[in-house]
């Protein structure tokens, strides 16, 4: 995983839904809609010392999704 996480200035479910809607109507893609409509407030880099724990928790999360038949 070892990738940065970005926090948007506009943090709400409604705003995310608006981006999704615009990506199918006004813009050509989700990436374009997000780039035009959202602005990044903060970039958080993963802590290399916690990488093993991140991986462990992510794998547990994926297994739970499989157990619930959300993914295969």
C-alpha atoms as a PDB file:
ATOM      1  CA  UNK A   1       0.000   0.000   0.000  1.00  0.00           C
ATOM      2  CA  UNK A   2       2.686   2.510   0.929  1.00  0.00           C
ATOM      3  CA  UNK A   3       0.991   5.420  -0.879  1.00  0.00           C
ATOM      4  CA  UNK A   4       0.023   8.901   0.340  1.00  0.00           C
ATOM      5  CA  UNK A   5      -3.493   9.739   1.501  1.00  0.00           C
ATOM      6  CA  UNK A   6      -5.055  13.064   0.527  1.00  0.00           C
ATOM      7  CA  UNK A   7      -7.589  15.024   2.572  1.00  0.00           C
ATOM      8  CA  UNK A   8      -9.929  17.214   0.560  1.00  0.00           C
ATOM      9  CA  UNK A   9     -11.009  20.636   1.795  1.00  0.00           C
ATOM     10  CA  UNK A  10     -14.618  19.720   1.024  1.00  0.00           C
ATOM     11  CA  UNK A  11     -15.120  16.605   3.131  1.00  0.00           C
ATOM     12  CA  UNK A  12     -18.713  15.404   2.921  1.00  0.00           C
ATOM     13  CA  UNK A  13     -20.602  12.522   1.404  1.00  0.00           C
ATOM     14  CA  UNK A  14     -22.801  14.925  -0.523  1.00  0.00           C
ATOM     15  CA  UNK A  15     -19.773  16.495  -2.180  1.00  0.00           C
ATOM     16  CA  UNK A  16     -18.469  13.074  -3.161  1.00  0.00           C
ATOM     17  CA  UNK A  17     -21.870  12.245  -4.649  1.00  0.00           C
ATOM     18  CA  UNK A  18     -21.792  15.503  -6.611  1.00  0.00           C
ATOM     19  CA  UNK A  19     -18.389  14.599  -8.057  1.00  0.00           C
ATOM     20  CA  UNK A  20     -19.684  11.155  -9.030  1.00  0.00           C
ATOM     21  CA  UNK A  21     -22.751  12.662 -10.718  1.00  0.00           C
ATOM     22  CA  UNK A  22     -20.694  15.264 -12.565  1.00  0.00           C
ATOM     23  CA  UNK A  23     -18.267  12.596 -13.763  1.00  0.00           C
ATOM     24  CA  UNK A  24     -21.086  11.005 -15.787  1.00  0.00           C
ATOM     25  CA  UNK A  25     -22.752  14.192 -16.999  1.00  0.00           C
ATOM     26  CA  UNK A  26     -20.492  17.227 -17.218  1.00  0.00           C
ATOM     27  CA  UNK A  27     -16.970  15.748 -17.206  1.00  0.00           C
ATOM     28  CA  UNK A  28     -15.476  12.920 -19.258  1.00  0.00           C
ATOM     29  CA  UNK A  29     -14.275  10.870 -16.273  1.00  0.00           C
ATOM     30  CA  UNK A  30     -14.237  10.575 -12.496  1.00  0.00           C
ATOM     31  CA  UNK A  31     -10.595  11.661 -12.470  1.00  0.00           C
ATOM     32  CA  UNK A  32     -11.387  14.813 -14.437  1.00  0.00           C
ATOM     33  CA  UNK A  33     -14.377  15.675 -12.227  1.00  0.00           C
ATOM     34  CA  UNK A  34     -12.356  15.191  -9.041  1.00  0.00           C
ATOM     35  CA  UNK A  35      -9.434  17.225 -10.378  1.00  0.00           C
ATOM     36  CA  UNK A  36     -11.696  20.115 -11.362  1.00  0.00           C
ATOM     37  CA  UNK A  37     -14.069  20.119  -8.397  1.00  0.00           C
ATOM     38  CA  UNK A  38     -11.962  19.123  -5.381  1.00  0.00           C
ATOM     39  CA  UNK A  39      -8.964  20.739  -3.776  1.00  0.00           C
ATOM     40  CA  UNK A  40      -6.405  19.032  -1.570  1.00  0.00           C
ATOM     41  CA  UNK A  41      -6.056  20.366   1.960  1.00  0.00           C
ATOM     42  CA  UNK A  42      -3.431  17.953   3.224  1.00  0.00           C
ATOM     43  CA  UNK A  43      -1.197  15.122   2.014  1.00  0.00           C
ATOM     44  CA  UNK A  44      -0.395  12.427   4.581  1.00  0.00           C
ATOM     45  CA  UNK A  45       2.500  10.095   3.920  1.00  0.00           C
ATOM     46  CA  UNK A  46       2.474   6.610   5.454  1.00  0.00           C
ATOM     47  CA  UNK A  47       4.813   5.965   8.355  1.00  0.00           C
ATOM     48  CA  UNK A  48       7.428   3.430   7.164  1.00  0.00           C
ATOM     49  CA  UNK A  49       7.706   2.069  10.708  1.00  0.00           C
ATOM     50  CA  UNK A  50       4.016   1.136  10.621  1.00  0.00           C
ATOM     51  CA  UNK A  51       4.037  -0.453   7.148  1.00  0.00           C
ATOM     52  CA  UNK A  52       3.774  -3.989   8.506  1.00  0.00           C
ATOM     53  CA  UNK A  53       0.785  -3.073  10.687  1.00  0.00           C
ATOM     54  CA  UNK A  54      -0.908  -1.262   7.778  1.00  0.00           C
ATOM     55  CA  UNK A  55      -0.527  -4.398   5.658  1.00  0.00           C
ATOM     56  CA  UNK A  56      -1.846  -6.652   8.428  1.00  0.00           C
ATOM     57  CA  UNK A  57      -4.953  -4.522   8.970  1.00  0.00           C
ATOM     58  CA  UNK A  58      -5.578  -4.142   5.238  1.00  0.00           C
ATOM     59  CA  UNK A  59      -5.430  -7.907   4.757  1.00  0.00           C
ATOM     60  CA  UNK A  60      -7.859  -8.404   7.672  1.00  0.00           C
ATOM     61  CA  UNK A  61     -10.205  -5.861   6.058  1.00  0.00           C
ATOM     62  CA  UNK A  62     -10.055  -7.647   2.687  1.00  0.00           C
ATOM     63  CA  UNK A  63     -10.742 -10.983   4.373  1.00  0.00           C
ATOM     64  CA  UNK A  64     -13.808  -9.543   6.107  1.00  0.00           C
ATOM     65  CA  UNK A  65     -15.116  -8.300   2.743  1.00  0.00           C
ATOM     66  CA  UNK A  66     -14.591 -11.795   1.305  1.00  0.00           C
ATOM     67  CA  UNK A  67     -16.341 -13.395   4.291  1.00  0.00           C
ATOM     68  CA  UNK A  68     -19.339 -11.129   3.646  1.00  0.00           C
ATOM     69  CA  UNK A  69     -19.233 -11.953  -0.101  1.00  0.00           C
ATOM     70  CA  UNK A  70     -18.629  -8.321  -1.061  1.00  0.00           C
ATOM     71  CA  UNK A  71     -15.524  -9.311  -3.026  1.00  0.00           C
ATOM     72  CA  UNK A  72     -14.169 -12.597  -4.329  1.00  0.00           C
END
